[in-house]
């Protein structure tokens, strides 16, 4: 992944229920929301990659038995 300085920024619209959007605005001040969402997405991506590797390893181990 490129560093933050090299990577361009893209605006994204997220539709949330009003109560959740209000909480999000209160919990994360302006300028911190994007960081939180980016970290959450990267964490999710990382977990998916791990799950994929584990699934591949399980498949390989079943073939060996």
PDB file of N, CA and C in Angstrom:
ATOM      1  N   UNK A   1       0.848  -1.184   0.000  1.00  0.00           N
ATOM      2  CA  UNK A   1       0.000   0.000   0.000  1.00  0.00           C
ATOM      3  C   UNK A   1       0.883   1.234   0.000  1.00  0.00           C
ATOM      4  N   UNK A   2       0.495   2.210  -0.772  1.00  0.00           N
ATOM      5  CA  UNK A   2       1.264   3.445  -0.822  1.00  0.00           C
ATOM      6  C   UNK A   2       1.045   4.242   0.454  1.00  0.00           C
ATOM      7  N   UNK A   3       2.023   5.110   0.748  1.00  0.00           N
ATOM      8  CA  UNK A   3       1.885   5.929   1.955  1.00  0.00           C
ATOM      9  C   UNK A   3       0.757   6.938   1.770  1.00  0.00           C
ATOM     10  N   UNK A   4       0.287   7.487   2.884  1.00  0.00           N
ATOM     11  CA  UNK A   4      -0.811   8.451   2.822  1.00  0.00           C
ATOM     12  C   UNK A   4      -0.453   9.663   1.973  1.00  0.00           C
ATOM     13  N   UNK A   5       0.812  10.078   2.007  1.00  0.00           N
ATOM     14  CA  UNK A   5       1.229  11.254   1.255  1.00  0.00           C
ATOM     15  C   UNK A   5       1.126  11.010  -0.253  1.00  0.00           C
ATOM     16  N   UNK A   6       1.362   9.770  -0.693  1.00  0.00           N
ATOM     17  CA  UNK A   6       1.348   9.453  -2.120  1.00  0.00           C
ATOM     18  C   UNK A   6      -0.045   9.116  -2.642  1.00  0.00           C
ATOM     19  N   UNK A   7      -0.907   8.655  -1.783  1.00  0.00           N
ATOM     20  CA  UNK A   7      -2.207   8.179  -2.232  1.00  0.00           C
ATOM     21  C   UNK A   7      -3.217   9.322  -2.316  1.00  0.00           C
ATOM     22  N   UNK A   8      -3.951   9.349  -3.421  1.00  0.00           N
ATOM     23  CA  UNK A   8      -4.962  10.388  -3.574  1.00  0.00           C
ATOM     24  C   UNK A   8      -6.166  10.073  -2.691  1.00  0.00           C
ATOM     25  N   UNK A   9      -6.934  11.084  -2.389  1.00  0.00           N
ATOM     26  CA  UNK A   9      -8.105  10.954  -1.534  1.00  0.00           C
ATOM     27  C   UNK A   9      -9.351  10.982  -2.406  1.00  0.00           C
ATOM     28  N   UNK A  10     -10.295  10.123  -2.091  1.00  0.00           N
ATOM     29  CA  UNK A  10     -11.549  10.085  -2.829  1.00  0.00           C
ATOM     30  C   UNK A  10     -12.701  10.237  -1.846  1.00  0.00           C
ATOM     31  N   UNK A  11     -13.647  11.057  -2.203  1.00  0.00           N
ATOM     32  CA  UNK A  11     -14.825  11.284  -1.362  1.00  0.00           C
ATOM     33  C   UNK A  11     -15.791  10.123  -1.572  1.00  0.00           C
ATOM     34  N   UNK A  12     -16.389   9.678  -0.466  1.00  0.00           N
ATOM     35  CA  UNK A  12     -17.310   8.552  -0.498  1.00  0.00           C
ATOM     36  C   UNK A  12     -18.534   8.903   0.334  1.00  0.00           C
ATOM     37  N   UNK A  13     -19.698   8.606  -0.179  1.00  0.00           N
ATOM     38  CA  UNK A  13     -20.931   8.854   0.561  1.00  0.00           C
ATOM     39  C   UNK A  13     -21.403   7.536   1.149  1.00  0.00           C
ATOM     40  N   UNK A  14     -21.686   7.551   2.453  1.00  0.00           N
ATOM     41  CA  UNK A  14     -22.171   6.360   3.144  1.00  0.00           C
ATOM     42  C   UNK A  14     -23.565   6.666   3.685  1.00  0.00           C
ATOM     43  N   UNK A  15     -24.491   5.794   3.407  1.00  0.00           N
ATOM     44  CA  UNK A  15     -25.856   5.978   3.899  1.00  0.00           C
ATOM     45  C   UNK A  15     -26.010   5.169   5.181  1.00  0.00           C
ATOM     46  N   UNK A  16     -26.368   5.873   6.258  1.00  0.00           N
ATOM     47  CA  UNK A  16     -26.569   5.258   7.563  1.00  0.00           C
ATOM     48  C   UNK A  16     -27.908   5.697   8.131  1.00  0.00           C
ATOM     49  N   UNK A  17     -28.471   4.895   9.021  1.00  0.00           N
ATOM     50  CA  UNK A  17     -29.669   5.365   9.726  1.00  0.00           C
ATOM     51  C   UNK A  17     -29.340   6.651  10.489  1.00  0.00           C
ATOM     52  N   UNK A  18     -30.312   7.531  10.598  1.00  0.00           N
ATOM     53  CA  UNK A  18     -30.090   8.847  11.193  1.00  0.00           C
ATOM     54  C   UNK A  18     -29.504   8.756  12.602  1.00  0.00           C
ATOM     55  N   UNK A  19     -30.023   7.850  13.433  1.00  0.00           N
ATOM     56  CA  UNK A  19     -29.516   7.734  14.808  1.00  0.00           C
ATOM     57  C   UNK A  19     -28.050   7.305  14.819  1.00  0.00           C
ATOM     58  N   UNK A  20     -27.675   6.414  13.932  1.00  0.00           N
ATOM     59  CA  UNK A  20     -26.289   5.964  13.852  1.00  0.00           C
ATOM     60  C   UNK A  20     -25.387   7.075  13.320  1.00  0.00           C
ATOM     61  N   UNK A  21     -25.869   7.827  12.350  1.00  0.00           N
ATOM     62  CA  UNK A  21     -25.093   8.943  11.809  1.00  0.00           C
ATOM     63  C   UNK A  21     -24.867  10.007  12.877  1.00  0.00           C
ATOM     64  N   UNK A  22     -25.876  10.272  13.698  1.00  0.00           N
ATOM     65  CA  UNK A  22     -25.727  11.251  14.789  1.00  0.00           C
ATOM     66  C   UNK A  22     -24.680  10.782  15.784  1.00  0.00           C
ATOM     67  N   UNK A  23     -24.736   9.499  16.159  1.00  0.00           N
ATOM     68  CA  UNK A  23     -23.731   8.958  17.080  1.00  0.00           C
ATOM     69  C   UNK A  23     -22.336   9.064  16.478  1.00  0.00           C
ATOM     70  N   UNK A  24     -22.225   8.714  15.205  1.00  0.00           N
ATOM     71  CA  UNK A  24     -20.936   8.755  14.517  1.00  0.00           C
ATOM     72  C   UNK A  24     -20.341  10.166  14.558  1.00  0.00           C
ATOM     73  N   UNK A  25     -21.175  11.161  14.303  1.00  0.00           N
ATOM     74  CA  UNK A  25     -20.693  12.554  14.334  1.00  0.00           C
ATOM     75  C   UNK A  25     -20.264  12.966  15.734  1.00  0.00           C
ATOM     76  N   UNK A  26     -21.002  12.523  16.758  1.00  0.00           N
ATOM     77  CA  UNK A  26     -20.646  12.869  18.140  1.00  0.00           C
ATOM     78  C   UNK A  26     -19.395  12.128  18.599  1.00  0.00           C
ATOM     79  N   UNK A  27     -19.283  10.856  18.248  1.00  0.00           N
ATOM     80  CA  UNK A  27     -18.175  10.018  18.711  1.00  0.00           C
ATOM     81  C   UNK A  27     -16.853  10.355  18.028  1.00  0.00           C
ATOM     82  N   UNK A  28     -16.918  10.786  16.778  1.00  0.00           N
ATOM     83  CA  UNK A  28     -15.706  11.061  16.019  1.00  0.00           C
ATOM     84  C   UNK A  28     -15.765  12.481  15.485  1.00  0.00           C
ATOM     85  N   UNK A  29     -14.920  13.356  16.014  1.00  0.00           N
ATOM     86  CA  UNK A  29     -14.929  14.741  15.547  1.00  0.00           C
ATOM     87  C   UNK A  29     -14.516  14.842  14.080  1.00  0.00           C
ATOM     88  N   UNK A  30     -14.849  15.978  13.482  1.00  0.00           N
ATOM     89  CA  UNK A  30     -14.504  16.238  12.086  1.00  0.00           C
ATOM     90  C   UNK A  30     -13.005  16.011  11.884  1.00  0.00           C
ATOM     91  N   UNK A  31     -12.654  15.299  10.837  1.00  0.00           N
ATOM     92  CA  UNK A  31     -11.253  15.010  10.553  1.00  0.00           C
ATOM     93  C   UNK A  31     -10.809  13.659  11.085  1.00  0.00           C
ATOM     94  N   UNK A  32     -11.541  13.107  12.041  1.00  0.00           N
ATOM     95  CA  UNK A  32     -11.195  11.798  12.606  1.00  0.00           C
ATOM     96  C   UNK A  32     -12.080  10.691  12.041  1.00  0.00           C
ATOM     97  N   UNK A  33     -13.210  11.072  11.462  1.00  0.00           N
ATOM     98  CA  UNK A  33     -14.148  10.079  10.938  1.00  0.00           C
ATOM     99  C   UNK A  33     -13.531   9.263   9.816  1.00  0.00           C
ATOM    100  N   UNK A  34     -12.876   9.929   8.898  1.00  0.00           N
ATOM    101  CA  UNK A  34     -12.265   9.228   7.763  1.00  0.00           C
ATOM    102  C   UNK A  34     -11.192   8.259   8.239  1.00  0.00           C
ATOM    103  N   UNK A  35     -10.412   8.665   9.230  1.00  0.00           N
ATOM    104  CA  UNK A  35      -9.376   7.772   9.767  1.00  0.00           C
ATOM    105  C   UNK A  35     -10.004   6.519  10.358  1.00  0.00           C
ATOM    106  N   UNK A  36     -11.094   6.701  11.111  1.00  0.00           N
ATOM    107  CA  UNK A  36     -11.776   5.555  11.718  1.00  0.00           C
ATOM    108  C   UNK A  36     -12.303   4.613  10.646  1.00  0.00           C
ATOM    109  N   UNK A  37     -12.974   5.148   9.648  1.00  0.00           N
ATOM    110  CA  UNK A  37     -13.545   4.311   8.592  1.00  0.00           C
ATOM    111  C   UNK A  37     -12.433   3.599   7.823  1.00  0.00           C
ATOM    112  N   UNK A  38     -11.361   4.300   7.513  1.00  0.00           N
ATOM    113  CA  UNK A  38     -10.248   3.689   6.786  1.00  0.00           C
ATOM    114  C   UNK A  38      -9.641   2.541   7.593  1.00  0.00           C
ATOM    115  N   UNK A  39      -9.433   2.757   8.901  1.00  0.00           N
ATOM    116  CA  UNK A  39      -8.885   1.685   9.749  1.00  0.00           C
ATOM    117  C   UNK A  39      -9.836   0.494   9.811  1.00  0.00           C
ATOM    118  N   UNK A  40     -11.133   0.771   9.930  1.00  0.00           N
ATOM    119  CA  UNK A  40     -12.120  -0.305   9.998  1.00  0.00           C
ATOM    120  C   UNK A  40     -12.115  -1.127   8.702  1.00  0.00           C
ATOM    121  N   UNK A  41     -12.022  -0.459   7.572  1.00  0.00           N
ATOM    122  CA  UNK A  41     -11.997  -1.161   6.288  1.00  0.00           C
ATOM    123  C   UNK A  41     -10.722  -1.980   6.154  1.00  0.00           C
ATOM    124  N   UNK A  42      -9.591  -1.406   6.547  1.00  0.00           N
ATOM    125  CA  UNK A  42      -8.325  -2.146   6.467  1.00  0.00           C
ATOM    126  C   UNK A  42      -8.323  -3.346   7.411  1.00  0.00           C
ATOM    127  N   UNK A  43      -8.889  -3.187   8.599  1.00  0.00           N
ATOM    128  CA  UNK A  43      -9.001  -4.316   9.533  1.00  0.00           C
ATOM    129  C   UNK A  43      -9.861  -5.420   8.923  1.00  0.00           C
ATOM    130  N   UNK A  44     -10.976  -5.035   8.329  1.00  0.00           N
ATOM    131  CA  UNK A  44     -11.863  -6.009   7.685  1.00  0.00           C
ATOM    132  C   UNK A  44     -11.138  -6.720   6.543  1.00  0.00           C
ATOM    133  N   UNK A  45     -10.424  -5.962   5.735  1.00  0.00           N
ATOM    134  CA  UNK A  45      -9.671  -6.535   4.612  1.00  0.00           C
ATOM    135  C   UNK A  45      -8.645  -7.539   5.122  1.00  0.00           C
ATOM    136  N   UNK A  46      -7.946  -7.174   6.182  1.00  0.00           N
ATOM    137  CA  UNK A  46      -6.927  -8.049   6.767  1.00  0.00           C
ATOM    138  C   UNK A  46      -7.565  -9.345   7.280  1.00  0.00           C
ATOM    139  N   UNK A  47      -8.693  -9.233   7.973  1.00  0.00           N
ATOM    140  CA  UNK A  47      -9.380 -10.420   8.487  1.00  0.00           C
ATOM    141  C   UNK A  47      -9.849 -11.316   7.350  1.00  0.00           C
ATOM    142  N   UNK A  48     -10.318 -10.721   6.259  1.00  0.00           N
ATOM    143  CA  UNK A  48     -10.761 -11.510   5.112  1.00  0.00           C
ATOM    144  C   UNK A  48      -9.592 -12.256   4.480  1.00  0.00           C
ATOM    145  N   UNK A  49      -8.424 -11.584   4.392  1.00  0.00           N
ATOM    146  CA  UNK A  49      -7.238 -12.231   3.836  1.00  0.00           C
ATOM    147  C   UNK A  49      -6.807 -13.403   4.709  1.00  0.00           C
ATOM    148  N   UNK A  50      -6.853 -13.228   6.024  1.00  0.00           N
ATOM    149  CA  UNK A  50      -6.500 -14.309   6.939  1.00  0.00           C
ATOM    150  C   UNK A  50      -7.479 -15.463   6.784  1.00  0.00           C
ATOM    151  N   UNK A  51      -8.771 -15.156   6.713  1.00  0.00           N
ATOM    152  CA  UNK A  51      -9.791 -16.196   6.550  1.00  0.00           C
ATOM    153  C   UNK A  51      -9.562 -16.968   5.258  1.00  0.00           C
ATOM    154  N   UNK A  52      -9.222 -16.266   4.197  1.00  0.00           N
ATOM    155  CA  UNK A  52      -8.967 -16.913   2.914  1.00  0.00           C
ATOM    156  C   UNK A  52      -7.770 -17.855   3.009  1.00  0.00           C
ATOM    157  N   UNK A  53      -6.696 -17.405   3.656  1.00  0.00           N
ATOM    158  CA  UNK A  53      -5.511 -18.249   3.825  1.00  0.00           C
ATOM    159  C   UNK A  53      -5.837 -19.482   4.670  1.00  0.00           C
ATOM    160  N   UNK A  54      -6.609 -19.294   5.744  1.00  0.00           N
ATOM    161  CA  UNK A  54      -6.985 -20.419   6.594  1.00  0.00           C
ATOM    162  C   UNK A  54      -7.823 -21.426   5.820  1.00  0.00           C
ATOM    163  N   UNK A  55      -8.727 -20.941   4.993  1.00  0.00           N
ATOM    164  CA  UNK A  55      -9.557 -21.837   4.179  1.00  0.00           C
ATOM    165  C   UNK A  55      -8.696 -22.631   3.199  1.00  0.00           C
ATOM    166  N   UNK A  56      -7.725 -21.958   2.585  1.00  0.00           N
ATOM    167  CA  UNK A  56      -6.821 -22.641   1.654  1.00  0.00           C
ATOM    168  C   UNK A  56      -5.998 -23.695   2.382  1.00  0.00           C
ATOM    169  N   UNK A  57      -5.506 -23.373   3.572  1.00  0.00           N
ATOM    170  CA  UNK A  57      -4.727 -24.343   4.349  1.00  0.00           C
ATOM    171  C   UNK A  57      -5.581 -25.540   4.752  1.00  0.00           C
ATOM    172  N   UNK A  58      -6.840 -25.303   5.130  1.00  0.00           N
ATOM    173  CA  UNK A  58      -7.734 -26.405   5.480  1.00  0.00           C
ATOM    174  C   UNK A  58      -7.950 -27.322   4.272  1.00  0.00           C
ATOM    175  N   UNK A  59      -8.133 -26.726   3.113  1.00  0.00           N
ATOM    176  CA  UNK A  59      -8.340 -27.512   1.890  1.00  0.00           C
ATOM    177  C   UNK A  59      -7.110 -28.350   1.579  1.00  0.00           C
ATOM    178  N   UNK A  60      -5.936 -27.766   1.734  1.00  0.00           N
ATOM    179  CA  UNK A  60      -4.697 -28.494   1.460  1.00  0.00           C
ATOM    180  C   UNK A  60      -4.513 -29.626   2.461  1.00  0.00           C
ATOM    181  N   UNK A  61      -4.805 -29.361   3.726  1.00  0.00           N
ATOM    182  CA  UNK A  61      -4.625 -30.400   4.751  1.00  0.00           C
ATOM    183  C   UNK A  61      -5.606 -31.552   4.538  1.00  0.00           C
ATOM    184  N   UNK A  62      -6.823 -31.254   4.044  1.00  0.00           N
ATOM    185  CA  UNK A  62      -7.787 -32.335   3.754  1.00  0.00           C
ATOM    186  C   UNK A  62      -7.294 -33.189   2.596  1.00  0.00           C
ATOM    187  N   UNK A  63      -6.647 -32.569   1.607  1.00  0.00           N
ATOM    188  CA  UNK A  63      -6.124 -33.327   0.461  1.00  0.00           C
ATOM    189  C   UNK A  63      -4.985 -34.240   0.888  1.00  0.00           C
ATOM    190  N   UNK A  64      -4.216 -33.828   1.878  1.00  0.00           N
ATOM    191  CA  UNK A  64      -3.078 -34.621   2.343  1.00  0.00           C
ATOM    192  C   UNK A  64      -3.523 -35.850   3.129  1.00  0.00           C
ATOM    193  N   UNK A  65      -4.672 -35.781   3.748  1.00  0.00           N
ATOM    194  CA  UNK A  65      -5.117 -36.909   4.589  1.00  0.00           C
ATOM    195  C   UNK A  65      -5.621 -38.071   3.805  1.00  0.00           C
TER     196      UNK A  65
END
